[in-house]
């Protein structure tokens, strides 16, 4: 019975400690990302806005949200960098999907629907 209370305290403190540690790692990763921003990067903000970095200030970043529309934001709102969908060969995955999609003739459509 005497060991029950210390084990209960330990069971509550260990997950809390691990959660704080994980949160600190995530904050450091986000801070590194915000410090490594450069002009021309595509970014995603915390509000879900996709934009291109146009200019960088000490605590601010100028984001182009549409052609010719530039807004000023705090660097803290940048959540992640957006990378293009490319595979290891450097070819665009969207092009490969387009190549796989072929137009179906009327006869093929009738045959396919007749089988279902």
PDB file of N, CA and C in Angstrom:
ATOM      1  N   UNK A   1       0.808  -1.184   0.000  1.00  0.00           N
ATOM      2  CA  UNK A   1       0.000   0.000   0.000  1.00  0.00           C
ATOM      3  C   UNK A   1       0.863   1.265   0.000  1.00  0.00           C
ATOM      4  N   UNK A   2       2.014   1.178   0.645  1.00  0.00           N
ATOM      5  CA  UNK A   2       2.901   2.328   0.704  1.00  0.00           C
ATOM      6  C   UNK A   2       3.523   2.630  -0.657  1.00  0.00           C
ATOM      7  N   UNK A   3       3.658   1.631  -1.520  1.00  0.00           N
ATOM      8  CA  UNK A   3       4.241   1.831  -2.856  1.00  0.00           C
ATOM      9  C   UNK A   3       3.228   2.343  -3.868  1.00  0.00           C
ATOM     10  N   UNK A   4       1.968   2.258  -3.556  1.00  0.00           N
ATOM     11  CA  UNK A   4       0.928   2.647  -4.494  1.00  0.00           C
ATOM     12  C   UNK A   4       0.965   4.156  -4.807  1.00  0.00           C
ATOM     13  N   UNK A   5       1.111   4.991  -3.798  1.00  0.00           N
ATOM     14  CA  UNK A   5       1.125   6.439  -4.003  1.00  0.00           C
ATOM     15  C   UNK A   5       2.336   6.898  -4.826  1.00  0.00           C
ATOM     16  N   UNK A   6       3.565   6.446  -4.525  1.00  0.00           N
ATOM     17  CA  UNK A   6       4.703   6.850  -5.376  1.00  0.00           C
ATOM     18  C   UNK A   6       4.577   6.356  -6.816  1.00  0.00           C
ATOM     19  N   UNK A   7       4.021   5.162  -7.014  1.00  0.00           N
ATOM     20  CA  UNK A   7       3.825   4.655  -8.374  1.00  0.00           C
ATOM     21  C   UNK A   7       2.782   5.480  -9.129  1.00  0.00           C
ATOM     22  N   UNK A   8       1.761   5.919  -8.422  1.00  0.00           N
ATOM     23  CA  UNK A   8       0.736   6.753  -9.031  1.00  0.00           C
ATOM     24  C   UNK A   8       1.337   8.101  -9.458  1.00  0.00           C
ATOM     25  N   UNK A   9       2.135   8.698  -8.601  1.00  0.00           N
ATOM     26  CA  UNK A   9       2.806   9.963  -8.926  1.00  0.00           C
ATOM     27  C   UNK A   9       3.721   9.770 -10.130  1.00  0.00           C
ATOM     28  N   UNK A  10       4.477   8.685 -10.132  1.00  0.00           N
ATOM     29  CA  UNK A  10       5.386   8.384 -11.234  1.00  0.00           C
ATOM     30  C   UNK A  10       4.620   8.167 -12.534  1.00  0.00           C
ATOM     31  N   UNK A  11       3.493   7.475 -12.462  1.00  0.00           N
ATOM     32  CA  UNK A  11       2.681   7.210 -13.655  1.00  0.00           C
ATOM     33  C   UNK A  11       2.113   8.497 -14.235  1.00  0.00           C
ATOM     34  N   UNK A  12       1.913   9.514 -13.422  1.00  0.00           N
ATOM     35  CA  UNK A  12       1.405  10.786 -13.926  1.00  0.00           C
ATOM     36  C   UNK A  12       2.506  11.713 -14.432  1.00  0.00           C
ATOM     37  N   UNK A  13       3.672  11.648 -13.819  1.00  0.00           N
ATOM     38  CA  UNK A  13       4.756  12.557 -14.175  1.00  0.00           C
ATOM     39  C   UNK A  13       5.512  12.136 -15.438  1.00  0.00           C
ATOM     40  N   UNK A  14       5.681  10.853 -15.667  1.00  0.00           N
ATOM     41  CA  UNK A  14       6.445  10.388 -16.831  1.00  0.00           C
ATOM     42  C   UNK A  14       5.788  10.809 -18.146  1.00  0.00           C
ATOM     43  N   UNK A  15       4.480  10.582 -18.352  1.00  0.00           N
ATOM     44  CA  UNK A  15       3.878  11.042 -19.615  1.00  0.00           C
ATOM     45  C   UNK A  15       3.930  12.561 -19.775  1.00  0.00           C
ATOM     46  N   UNK A  16       3.786  13.280 -18.660  1.00  0.00           N
ATOM     47  CA  UNK A  16       3.859  14.736 -18.736  1.00  0.00           C
ATOM     48  C   UNK A  16       5.261  15.184 -19.166  1.00  0.00           C
ATOM     49  N   UNK A  17       6.279  14.574 -18.613  1.00  0.00           N
ATOM     50  CA  UNK A  17       7.652  14.900 -18.977  1.00  0.00           C
ATOM     51  C   UNK A  17       7.914  14.587 -20.453  1.00  0.00           C
ATOM     52  N   UNK A  18       7.446  13.441 -20.930  1.00  0.00           N
ATOM     53  CA  UNK A  18       7.661  13.064 -22.327  1.00  0.00           C
ATOM     54  C   UNK A  18       6.912  14.011 -23.275  1.00  0.00           C
ATOM     55  N   UNK A  19       5.727  14.446 -22.880  1.00  0.00           N
ATOM     56  CA  UNK A  19       4.962  15.376 -23.710  1.00  0.00           C
ATOM     57  C   UNK A  19       5.651  16.725 -23.831  1.00  0.00           C
ATOM     58  N   UNK A  20       6.193  17.214 -22.723  1.00  0.00           N
ATOM     59  CA  UNK A  20       6.900  18.497 -22.733  1.00  0.00           C
ATOM     60  C   UNK A  20       8.143  18.402 -23.599  1.00  0.00           C
ATOM     61  N   UNK A  21       8.825  17.303 -23.502  1.00  0.00           N
ATOM     62  CA  UNK A  21      10.045  17.108 -24.295  1.00  0.00           C
ATOM     63  C   UNK A  21       9.738  17.093 -25.792  1.00  0.00           C
ATOM     64  N   UNK A  22       8.674  16.397 -26.179  1.00  0.00           N
ATOM     65  CA  UNK A  22       8.273  16.324 -27.588  1.00  0.00           C
ATOM     66  C   UNK A  22       7.856  17.702 -28.093  1.00  0.00           C
ATOM     67  N   UNK A  23       7.148  18.462 -27.250  1.00  0.00           N
ATOM     68  CA  UNK A  23       6.717  19.795 -27.632  1.00  0.00           C
ATOM     69  C   UNK A  23       7.911  20.725 -27.835  1.00  0.00           C
ATOM     70  N   UNK A  24       8.927  20.631 -26.995  1.00  0.00           N
ATOM     71  CA  UNK A  24      10.123  21.460 -27.151  1.00  0.00           C
ATOM     72  C   UNK A  24      10.852  21.137 -28.445  1.00  0.00           C
ATOM     73  N   UNK A  25      10.935  19.863 -28.798  1.00  0.00           N
ATOM     74  CA  UNK A  25      11.579  19.473 -30.061  1.00  0.00           C
ATOM     75  C   UNK A  25      10.819  20.048 -31.250  1.00  0.00           C
ATOM     76  N   UNK A  26       9.498  19.988 -31.193  1.00  0.00           N
ATOM     77  CA  UNK A  26       8.676  20.498 -32.287  1.00  0.00           C
ATOM     78  C   UNK A  26       8.816  22.021 -32.407  1.00  0.00           C
ATOM     79  N   UNK A  27       8.881  22.714 -31.285  1.00  0.00           N
ATOM     80  CA  UNK A  27       9.058  24.165 -31.307  1.00  0.00           C
ATOM     81  C   UNK A  27      10.422  24.548 -31.870  1.00  0.00           C
ATOM     82  N   UNK A  28      11.453  23.794 -31.534  1.00  0.00           N
ATOM     83  CA  UNK A  28      12.787  24.070 -32.063  1.00  0.00           C
ATOM     84  C   UNK A  28      12.825  23.854 -33.569  1.00  0.00           C
ATOM     85  N   UNK A  29      12.145  22.813 -34.029  1.00  0.00           N
ATOM     86  CA  UNK A  29      12.091  22.521 -35.460  1.00  0.00           C
ATOM     87  C   UNK A  29      11.381  23.657 -36.208  1.00  0.00           C
ATOM     88  N   UNK A  30      10.279  24.155 -35.654  1.00  0.00           N
ATOM     89  CA  UNK A  30       9.540  25.248 -36.276  1.00  0.00           C
ATOM     90  C   UNK A  30      10.368  26.535 -36.276  1.00  0.00           C
ATOM     91  N   UNK A  31      11.081  26.805 -35.190  1.00  0.00           N
ATOM     92  CA  UNK A  31      11.925  28.001 -35.116  1.00  0.00           C
ATOM     93  C   UNK A  31      13.046  27.931 -36.154  1.00  0.00           C
ATOM     94  N   UNK A  32      13.647  26.754 -36.328  1.00  0.00           N
ATOM     95  CA  UNK A  32      14.684  26.584 -37.351  1.00  0.00           C
ATOM     96  C   UNK A  32      14.122  26.834 -38.741  1.00  0.00           C
ATOM     97  N   UNK A  33      12.919  26.343 -38.994  1.00  0.00           N
ATOM     98  CA  UNK A  33      12.275  26.555 -40.290  1.00  0.00           C
ATOM     99  C   UNK A  33      12.051  28.044 -40.535  1.00  0.00           C
ATOM    100  N   UNK A  34      11.542  28.751 -39.538  1.00  0.00           N
ATOM    101  CA  UNK A  34      11.257  30.172 -39.698  1.00  0.00           C
ATOM    102  C   UNK A  34      12.537  30.984 -39.888  1.00  0.00           C
ATOM    103  N   UNK A  35      13.626  30.548 -39.283  1.00  0.00           N
ATOM    104  CA  UNK A  35      14.904  31.248 -39.453  1.00  0.00           C
ATOM    105  C   UNK A  35      15.548  30.944 -40.803  1.00  0.00           C
ATOM    106  N   UNK A  36      15.215  29.810 -41.410  1.00  0.00           N
ATOM    107  CA  UNK A  36      15.847  29.413 -42.666  1.00  0.00           C
ATOM    108  C   UNK A  36      15.058  29.842 -43.902  1.00  0.00           C
ATOM    109  N   UNK A  37      14.018  30.639 -43.724  1.00  0.00           N
ATOM    110  CA  UNK A  37      13.227  31.089 -44.868  1.00  0.00           C
ATOM    111  C   UNK A  37      14.075  31.926 -45.808  1.00  0.00           C
ATOM    112  N   UNK A  38      13.793  31.801 -47.100  1.00  0.00           N
ATOM    113  CA  UNK A  38      14.471  32.629 -48.088  1.00  0.00           C
ATOM    114  C   UNK A  38      13.461  33.085 -49.136  1.00  0.00           C
ATOM    115  N   UNK A  39      13.806  34.126 -49.858  1.00  0.00           N
ATOM    116  CA  UNK A  39      12.920  34.676 -50.881  1.00  0.00           C
ATOM    117  C   UNK A  39      12.668  33.614 -51.950  1.00  0.00           C
ATOM    118  N   UNK A  40      11.405  33.458 -52.327  1.00  0.00           N
ATOM    119  CA  UNK A  40      11.027  32.486 -53.344  1.00  0.00           C
ATOM    120  C   UNK A  40      10.481  31.189 -52.780  1.00  0.00           C
ATOM    121  N   UNK A  41      10.605  30.970 -51.473  1.00  0.00           N
ATOM    122  CA  UNK A  41      10.073  29.751 -50.853  1.00  0.00           C
ATOM    123  C   UNK A  41       8.551  29.778 -50.869  1.00  0.00           C
ATOM    124  N   UNK A  42       7.951  28.618 -51.138  1.00  0.00           N
ATOM    125  CA  UNK A  42       6.500  28.460 -51.016  1.00  0.00           C
ATOM    126  C   UNK A  42       6.246  27.996 -49.597  1.00  0.00           C
ATOM    127  N   UNK A  43       5.317  28.653 -48.886  1.00  0.00           N
ATOM    128  CA  UNK A  43       5.059  28.341 -47.489  1.00  0.00           C
ATOM    129  C   UNK A  43       3.572  28.144 -47.232  1.00  0.00           C
ATOM    130  N   UNK A  44       3.285  27.488 -46.112  1.00  0.00           N
ATOM    131  CA  UNK A  44       1.926  27.315 -45.616  1.00  0.00           C
ATOM    132  C   UNK A  44       1.876  27.981 -44.255  1.00  0.00           C
ATOM    133  N   UNK A  45       0.899  28.864 -44.053  1.00  0.00           N
ATOM    134  CA  UNK A  45       0.783  29.563 -42.773  1.00  0.00           C
ATOM    135  C   UNK A  45      -0.093  28.755 -41.815  1.00  0.00           C
ATOM    136  N   UNK A  46      -0.137  29.198 -40.566  1.00  0.00           N
ATOM    137  CA  UNK A  46      -0.953  28.513 -39.564  1.00  0.00           C
ATOM    138  C   UNK A  46      -2.436  28.617 -39.886  1.00  0.00           C
ATOM    139  N   UNK A  47      -2.822  29.605 -40.677  1.00  0.00           N
ATOM    140  CA  UNK A  47      -4.226  29.745 -41.061  1.00  0.00           C
ATOM    141  C   UNK A  47      -4.561  28.984 -42.342  1.00  0.00           C
ATOM    142  N   UNK A  48      -3.577  28.278 -42.908  1.00  0.00           N
ATOM    143  CA  UNK A  48      -3.820  27.469 -44.099  1.00  0.00           C
ATOM    144  C   UNK A  48      -3.595  28.203 -45.409  1.00  0.00           C
ATOM    145  N   UNK A  49      -3.003  29.364 -45.359  1.00  0.00           N
ATOM    146  CA  UNK A  49      -2.758  30.164 -46.555  1.00  0.00           C
ATOM    147  C   UNK A  49      -1.488  29.698 -47.253  1.00  0.00           C
ATOM    148  N   UNK A  50      -1.576  29.424 -48.553  1.00  0.00           N
ATOM    149  CA  UNK A  50      -0.413  29.072 -49.362  1.00  0.00           C
ATOM    150  C   UNK A  50       0.109  30.354 -49.997  1.00  0.00           C
ATOM    151  N   UNK A  51       1.408  30.621 -49.862  1.00  0.00           N
ATOM    152  CA  UNK A  51       1.959  31.872 -50.374  1.00  0.00           C
ATOM    153  C   UNK A  51       3.426  31.693 -50.736  1.00  0.00           C
ATOM    154  N   UNK A  52       3.971  32.719 -51.402  1.00  0.00           N
ATOM    155  CA  UNK A  52       5.382  32.745 -51.772  1.00  0.00           C
ATOM    156  C   UNK A  52       6.065  33.875 -51.014  1.00  0.00           C
ATOM    157  N   UNK A  53       7.244  33.592 -50.443  1.00  0.00           N
ATOM    158  CA  UNK A  53       8.001  34.604 -49.708  1.00  0.00           C
ATOM    159  C   UNK A  53       8.595  35.585 -50.713  1.00  0.00           C
ATOM    160  N   UNK A  54       8.308  36.887 -50.509  1.00  0.00           N
ATOM    161  CA  UNK A  54       8.795  37.936 -51.398  1.00  0.00           C
ATOM    162  C   UNK A  54       9.921  38.716 -50.739  1.00  0.00           C
ATOM    163  N   UNK A  55       9.777  38.987 -49.440  1.00  0.00           N
ATOM    164  CA  UNK A  55      10.764  39.779 -48.720  1.00  0.00           C
ATOM    165  C   UNK A  55      10.780  39.344 -47.261  1.00  0.00           C
ATOM    166  N   UNK A  56      11.960  39.423 -46.635  1.00  0.00           N
ATOM    167  CA  UNK A  56      12.108  39.027 -45.239  1.00  0.00           C
ATOM    168  C   UNK A  56      12.569  40.204 -44.399  1.00  0.00           C
ATOM    169  N   UNK A  57      11.930  40.385 -43.239  1.00  0.00           N
ATOM    170  CA  UNK A  57      12.345  41.400 -42.270  1.00  0.00           C
ATOM    171  C   UNK A  57      12.833  40.692 -41.016  1.00  0.00           C
ATOM    172  N   UNK A  58      13.096  41.462 -39.958  1.00  0.00           N
ATOM    173  CA  UNK A  58      13.569  40.848 -38.717  1.00  0.00           C
ATOM    174  C   UNK A  58      12.522  39.916 -38.120  1.00  0.00           C
ATOM    175  N   UNK A  59      11.311  40.412 -37.932  1.00  0.00           N
ATOM    176  CA  UNK A  59      10.258  39.594 -37.351  1.00  0.00           C
ATOM    177  C   UNK A  59       9.086  39.402 -38.280  1.00  0.00           C
ATOM    178  N   UNK A  60       9.222  39.927 -39.516  1.00  0.00           N
ATOM    179  CA  UNK A  60       8.110  39.848 -40.466  1.00  0.00           C
ATOM    180  C   UNK A  60       8.547  39.187 -41.762  1.00  0.00           C
ATOM    181  N   UNK A  61       7.550  38.820 -42.535  1.00  0.00           N
ATOM    182  CA  UNK A  61       7.791  38.229 -43.842  1.00  0.00           C
ATOM    183  C   UNK A  61       6.709  38.761 -44.786  1.00  0.00           C
ATOM    184  N   UNK A  62       7.114  39.144 -45.978  1.00  0.00           N
ATOM    185  CA  UNK A  62       6.176  39.606 -47.000  1.00  0.00           C
ATOM    186  C   UNK A  62       5.786  38.393 -47.843  1.00  0.00           C
ATOM    187  N   UNK A  63       4.491  38.104 -47.897  1.00  0.00           N
ATOM    188  CA  UNK A  63       4.007  36.941 -48.630  1.00  0.00           C
ATOM    189  C   UNK A  63       3.148  37.375 -49.808  1.00  0.00           C
ATOM    190  N   UNK A  64       3.425  36.782 -50.964  1.00  0.00           N
ATOM    191  CA  UNK A  64       2.594  37.028 -52.146  1.00  0.00           C
ATOM    192  C   UNK A  64       1.535  35.937 -52.172  1.00  0.00           C
ATOM    193  N   UNK A  65       0.280  36.332 -51.955  1.00  0.00           N
ATOM    194  CA  UNK A  65      -0.801  35.357 -51.866  1.00  0.00           C
ATOM    195  C   UNK A  65      -1.529  35.176 -53.198  1.00  0.00           C
ATOM    196  N   UNK A  66      -1.337  36.125 -54.113  1.00  0.00           N
ATOM    197  CA  UNK A  66      -1.874  36.059 -55.469  1.00  0.00           C
ATOM    198  C   UNK A  66      -0.955  36.936 -56.310  1.00  0.00           C
ATOM    199  N   UNK A  67      -0.965  36.766 -57.615  1.00  0.00           N
ATOM    200  CA  UNK A  67      -0.092  37.593 -58.446  1.00  0.00           C
ATOM    201  C   UNK A  67      -0.332  39.081 -58.198  1.00  0.00           C
ATOM    202  N   UNK A  68       0.703  39.770 -57.702  1.00  0.00           N
ATOM    203  CA  UNK A  68       0.614  41.201 -57.444  1.00  0.00           C
ATOM    204  C   UNK A  68       0.032  41.572 -56.087  1.00  0.00           C
ATOM    205  N   UNK A  69      -0.391  40.588 -55.285  1.00  0.00           N
ATOM    206  CA  UNK A  69      -0.975  40.868 -53.966  1.00  0.00           C
ATOM    207  C   UNK A  69       0.025  40.419 -52.903  1.00  0.00           C
ATOM    208  N   UNK A  70       0.661  41.400 -52.246  1.00  0.00           N
ATOM    209  CA  UNK A  70       1.682  41.120 -51.240  1.00  0.00           C
ATOM    210  C   UNK A  70       1.175  41.603 -49.884  1.00  0.00           C
ATOM    211  N   UNK A  71       1.258  40.737 -48.876  1.00  0.00           N
ATOM    212  CA  UNK A  71       0.818  41.083 -47.523  1.00  0.00           C
ATOM    213  C   UNK A  71       1.958  40.857 -46.539  1.00  0.00           C
ATOM    214  N   UNK A  72       1.918  41.573 -45.426  1.00  0.00           N
ATOM    215  CA  UNK A  72       2.955  41.464 -44.400  1.00  0.00           C
ATOM    216  C   UNK A  72       2.436  40.593 -43.260  1.00  0.00           C
ATOM    217  N   UNK A  73       3.251  39.609 -42.867  1.00  0.00           N
ATOM    218  CA  UNK A  73       2.888  38.668 -41.801  1.00  0.00           C
ATOM    219  C   UNK A  73       4.046  38.561 -40.824  1.00  0.00           C
ATOM    220  N   UNK A  74       3.732  38.107 -39.623  1.00  0.00           N
ATOM    221  CA  UNK A  74       4.760  37.766 -38.649  1.00  0.00           C
ATOM    222  C   UNK A  74       5.411  36.463 -39.089  1.00  0.00           C
ATOM    223  N   UNK A  75       6.697  36.297 -38.841  1.00  0.00           N
ATOM    224  CA  UNK A  75       7.371  35.039 -39.202  1.00  0.00           C
ATOM    225  C   UNK A  75       6.789  33.849 -38.454  1.00  0.00           C
ATOM    226  N   UNK A  76       6.192  34.124 -37.296  1.00  0.00           N
ATOM    227  CA  UNK A  76       5.662  33.049 -36.459  1.00  0.00           C
ATOM    228  C   UNK A  76       4.488  32.314 -37.100  1.00  0.00           C
ATOM    229  N   UNK A  77       3.852  32.900 -38.105  1.00  0.00           N
ATOM    230  CA  UNK A  77       2.701  32.248 -38.722  1.00  0.00           C
ATOM    231  C   UNK A  77       3.105  31.196 -39.750  1.00  0.00           C
ATOM    232  N   UNK A  78       4.376  31.148 -40.132  1.00  0.00           N
ATOM    233  CA  UNK A  78       4.818  30.158 -41.130  1.00  0.00           C
ATOM    234  C   UNK A  78       4.889  28.792 -40.461  1.00  0.00           C
ATOM    235  N   UNK A  79       4.085  27.855 -40.957  1.00  0.00           N
ATOM    236  CA  UNK A  79       4.018  26.521 -40.372  1.00  0.00           C
ATOM    237  C   UNK A  79       4.967  25.551 -41.058  1.00  0.00           C
ATOM    238  N   UNK A  80       4.993  25.580 -42.415  1.00  0.00           N
ATOM    239  CA  UNK A  80       5.853  24.634 -43.131  1.00  0.00           C
ATOM    240  C   UNK A  80       6.162  25.124 -44.534  1.00  0.00           C
ATOM    241  N   UNK A  81       7.234  24.563 -45.095  1.00  0.00           N
ATOM    242  CA  UNK A  81       7.591  24.831 -46.481  1.00  0.00           C
ATOM    243  C   UNK A  81       6.819  23.880 -47.375  1.00  0.00           C
ATOM    244  N   UNK A  82       6.390  24.368 -48.506  1.00  0.00           N
ATOM    245  CA  UNK A  82       5.681  23.524 -49.468  1.00  0.00           C
ATOM    246  C   UNK A  82       6.669  23.093 -50.527  1.00  0.00           C
ATOM    247  N   UNK A  83       6.769  21.790 -50.741  1.00  0.00           N
ATOM    248  CA  UNK A  83       7.649  21.267 -51.788  1.00  0.00           C
ATOM    249  C   UNK A  83       6.796  20.732 -52.929  1.00  0.00           C
ATOM    250  N   UNK A  84       7.356  20.734 -54.105  1.00  0.00           N
ATOM    251  CA  UNK A  84       6.656  20.231 -55.277  1.00  0.00           C
ATOM    252  C   UNK A  84       6.520  18.715 -55.187  1.00  0.00           C
ATOM    253  N   UNK A  85       5.460  18.180 -55.802  1.00  0.00           N
ATOM    254  CA  UNK A  85       5.260  16.734 -55.839  1.00  0.00           C
ATOM    255  C   UNK A  85       6.135  16.134 -56.924  1.00  0.00           C
ATOM    256  N   UNK A  86       7.331  15.729 -56.555  1.00  0.00           N
ATOM    257  CA  UNK A  86       8.249  15.120 -57.500  1.00  0.00           C
ATOM    258  C   UNK A  86       8.709  13.783 -56.948  1.00  0.00           C
ATOM    259  N   UNK A  87       8.902  12.840 -57.832  1.00  0.00           N
ATOM    260  CA  UNK A  87       9.450  11.574 -57.374  1.00  0.00           C
ATOM    261  C   UNK A  87      10.965  11.635 -57.441  1.00  0.00           C
ATOM    262  N   UNK A  88      11.643  10.513 -57.184  1.00  0.00           N
ATOM    263  CA  UNK A  88      13.096  10.511 -57.120  1.00  0.00           C
ATOM    264  C   UNK A  88      13.755  10.841 -58.458  1.00  0.00           C
ATOM    265  N   UNK A  89      13.076  10.578 -59.574  1.00  0.00           N
ATOM    266  CA  UNK A  89      13.647  10.871 -60.883  1.00  0.00           C
ATOM    267  C   UNK A  89      13.575  12.354 -61.220  1.00  0.00           C
ATOM    268  N   UNK A  90      12.828  13.131 -60.435  1.00  0.00           N
ATOM    269  CA  UNK A  90      12.670  14.540 -60.714  1.00  0.00           C
ATOM    270  C   UNK A  90      11.542  14.832 -61.682  1.00  0.00           C
ATOM    271  N   UNK A  91      10.747  13.818 -62.033  1.00  0.00           N
ATOM    272  CA  UNK A  91       9.626  14.047 -62.928  1.00  0.00           C
ATOM    273  C   UNK A  91       8.394  14.354 -62.110  1.00  0.00           C
ATOM    274  N   UNK A  92       7.521  15.152 -62.659  1.00  0.00           N
ATOM    275  CA  UNK A  92       6.315  15.559 -61.962  1.00  0.00           C
ATOM    276  C   UNK A  92       5.340  14.386 -61.915  1.00  0.00           C
ATOM    277  N   UNK A  93       4.835  14.068 -60.732  1.00  0.00           N
ATOM    278  CA  UNK A  93       3.912  12.951 -60.575  1.00  0.00           C
ATOM    279  C   UNK A  93       2.596  13.208 -61.287  1.00  0.00           C
ATOM    280  N   UNK A  94       2.177  14.477 -61.379  1.00  0.00           N
ATOM    281  CA  UNK A  94       0.941  14.791 -62.070  1.00  0.00           C
ATOM    282  C   UNK A  94       1.029  14.419 -63.548  1.00  0.00           C
ATOM    283  N   UNK A  95       2.207  14.577 -64.163  1.00  0.00           N
ATOM    284  CA  UNK A  95       2.381  14.210 -65.565  1.00  0.00           C
ATOM    285  C   UNK A  95       2.213  12.713 -65.762  1.00  0.00           C
ATOM    286  N   UNK A  96       2.722  11.913 -64.810  1.00  0.00           N
ATOM    287  CA  UNK A  96       2.590  10.464 -64.917  1.00  0.00           C
ATOM    288  C   UNK A  96       1.133  10.042 -64.813  1.00  0.00           C
ATOM    289  N   UNK A  97       0.372  10.692 -63.953  1.00  0.00           N
ATOM    290  CA  UNK A  97      -1.047  10.374 -63.809  1.00  0.00           C
ATOM    291  C   UNK A  97      -1.776  10.730 -65.090  1.00  0.00           C
ATOM    292  N   UNK A  98      -1.443  11.880 -65.691  1.00  0.00           N
ATOM    293  CA  UNK A  98      -2.073  12.287 -66.935  1.00  0.00           C
ATOM    294  C   UNK A  98      -1.793  11.284 -68.053  1.00  0.00           C
ATOM    295  N   UNK A  99      -0.581  10.721 -68.076  1.00  0.00           N
ATOM    296  CA  UNK A  99      -0.235   9.749 -69.102  1.00  0.00           C
ATOM    297  C   UNK A  99      -1.026   8.451 -68.927  1.00  0.00           C
ATOM    298  N   UNK A 100      -1.345   8.104 -67.680  1.00  0.00           N
ATOM    299  CA  UNK A 100      -2.069   6.862 -67.420  1.00  0.00           C
ATOM    300  C   UNK A 100      -3.549   6.973 -67.775  1.00  0.00           C
ATOM    301  N   UNK A 101      -4.081   8.188 -67.750  1.00  0.00           N
ATOM    302  CA  UNK A 101      -5.489   8.397 -68.062  1.00  0.00           C
ATOM    303  C   UNK A 101      -5.624   8.525 -69.575  1.00  0.00           C
ATOM    304  N   UNK A 102      -6.348   7.613 -70.167  1.00  0.00           N
ATOM    305  CA  UNK A 102      -6.572   7.673 -71.608  1.00  0.00           C
ATOM    306  C   UNK A 102      -8.058   7.869 -71.853  1.00  0.00           C
ATOM    307  N   UNK A 103      -8.359   8.491 -72.976  1.00  0.00           N
ATOM    308  CA  UNK A 103      -9.760   8.735 -73.287  1.00  0.00           C
ATOM    309  C   UNK A 103     -10.390   7.457 -73.820  1.00  0.00           C
ATOM    310  N   UNK A 104     -11.583   7.211 -73.361  1.00  0.00           N
ATOM    311  CA  UNK A 104     -12.296   5.987 -73.700  1.00  0.00           C
ATOM    312  C   UNK A 104     -13.225   6.260 -74.885  1.00  0.00           C
ATOM    313  N   UNK A 105     -13.265   5.333 -75.834  1.00  0.00           N
ATOM    314  CA  UNK A 105     -14.176   5.485 -76.971  1.00  0.00           C
ATOM    315  C   UNK A 105     -15.580   5.065 -76.552  1.00  0.00           C
ATOM    316  N   UNK A 106     -16.557   5.424 -77.369  1.00  0.00           N
ATOM    317  CA  UNK A 106     -17.953   5.102 -77.062  1.00  0.00           C
ATOM    318  C   UNK A 106     -18.159   3.592 -76.994  1.00  0.00           C
ATOM    319  N   UNK A 107     -17.498   2.843 -77.896  1.00  0.00           N
ATOM    320  CA  UNK A 107     -17.652   1.382 -77.898  1.00  0.00           C
ATOM    321  C   UNK A 107     -17.073   0.767 -76.618  1.00  0.00           C
ATOM    322  N   UNK A 108     -15.912   1.285 -76.176  1.00  0.00           N
ATOM    323  CA  UNK A 108     -15.304   0.772 -74.948  1.00  0.00           C
ATOM    324  C   UNK A 108     -16.175   1.057 -73.731  1.00  0.00           C
ATOM    325  N   UNK A 109     -16.803   2.229 -73.719  1.00  0.00           N
ATOM    326  CA  UNK A 109     -17.698   2.592 -72.616  1.00  0.00           C
ATOM    327  C   UNK A 109     -18.888   1.659 -72.580  1.00  0.00           C
ATOM    328  N   UNK A 110     -19.506   1.401 -73.744  1.00  0.00           N
ATOM    329  CA  UNK A 110     -20.661   0.492 -73.798  1.00  0.00           C
ATOM    330  C   UNK A 110     -20.258  -0.911 -73.347  1.00  0.00           C
ATOM    331  N   UNK A 111     -19.077  -1.386 -73.803  1.00  0.00           N
ATOM    332  CA  UNK A 111     -18.594  -2.703 -73.399  1.00  0.00           C
ATOM    333  C   UNK A 111     -18.372  -2.779 -71.897  1.00  0.00           C
ATOM    334  N   UNK A 112     -17.752  -1.739 -71.344  1.00  0.00           N
ATOM    335  CA  UNK A 112     -17.457  -1.715 -69.905  1.00  0.00           C
ATOM    336  C   UNK A 112     -18.755  -1.679 -69.090  1.00  0.00           C
ATOM    337  N   UNK A 113     -19.706  -0.846 -69.518  1.00  0.00           N
ATOM    338  CA  UNK A 113     -20.978  -0.749 -68.795  1.00  0.00           C
ATOM    339  C   UNK A 113     -21.821  -2.010 -68.951  1.00  0.00           C
ATOM    340  N   UNK A 114     -21.696  -2.670 -70.083  1.00  0.00           N
ATOM    341  CA  UNK A 114     -22.435  -3.908 -70.306  1.00  0.00           C
ATOM    342  C   UNK A 114     -21.952  -5.036 -69.418  1.00  0.00           C
ATOM    343  N   UNK A 115     -20.665  -5.035 -69.069  1.00  0.00           N
ATOM    344  CA  UNK A 115     -20.084  -6.072 -68.219  1.00  0.00           C
ATOM    345  C   UNK A 115     -20.473  -5.875 -66.765  1.00  0.00           C
ATOM    346  N   UNK A 116     -20.744  -4.630 -66.344  1.00  0.00           N
ATOM    347  CA  UNK A 116     -21.081  -4.346 -64.945  1.00  0.00           C
ATOM    348  C   UNK A 116     -22.502  -4.614 -64.734  1.00  0.00           C
TER     349      UNK A 116
END
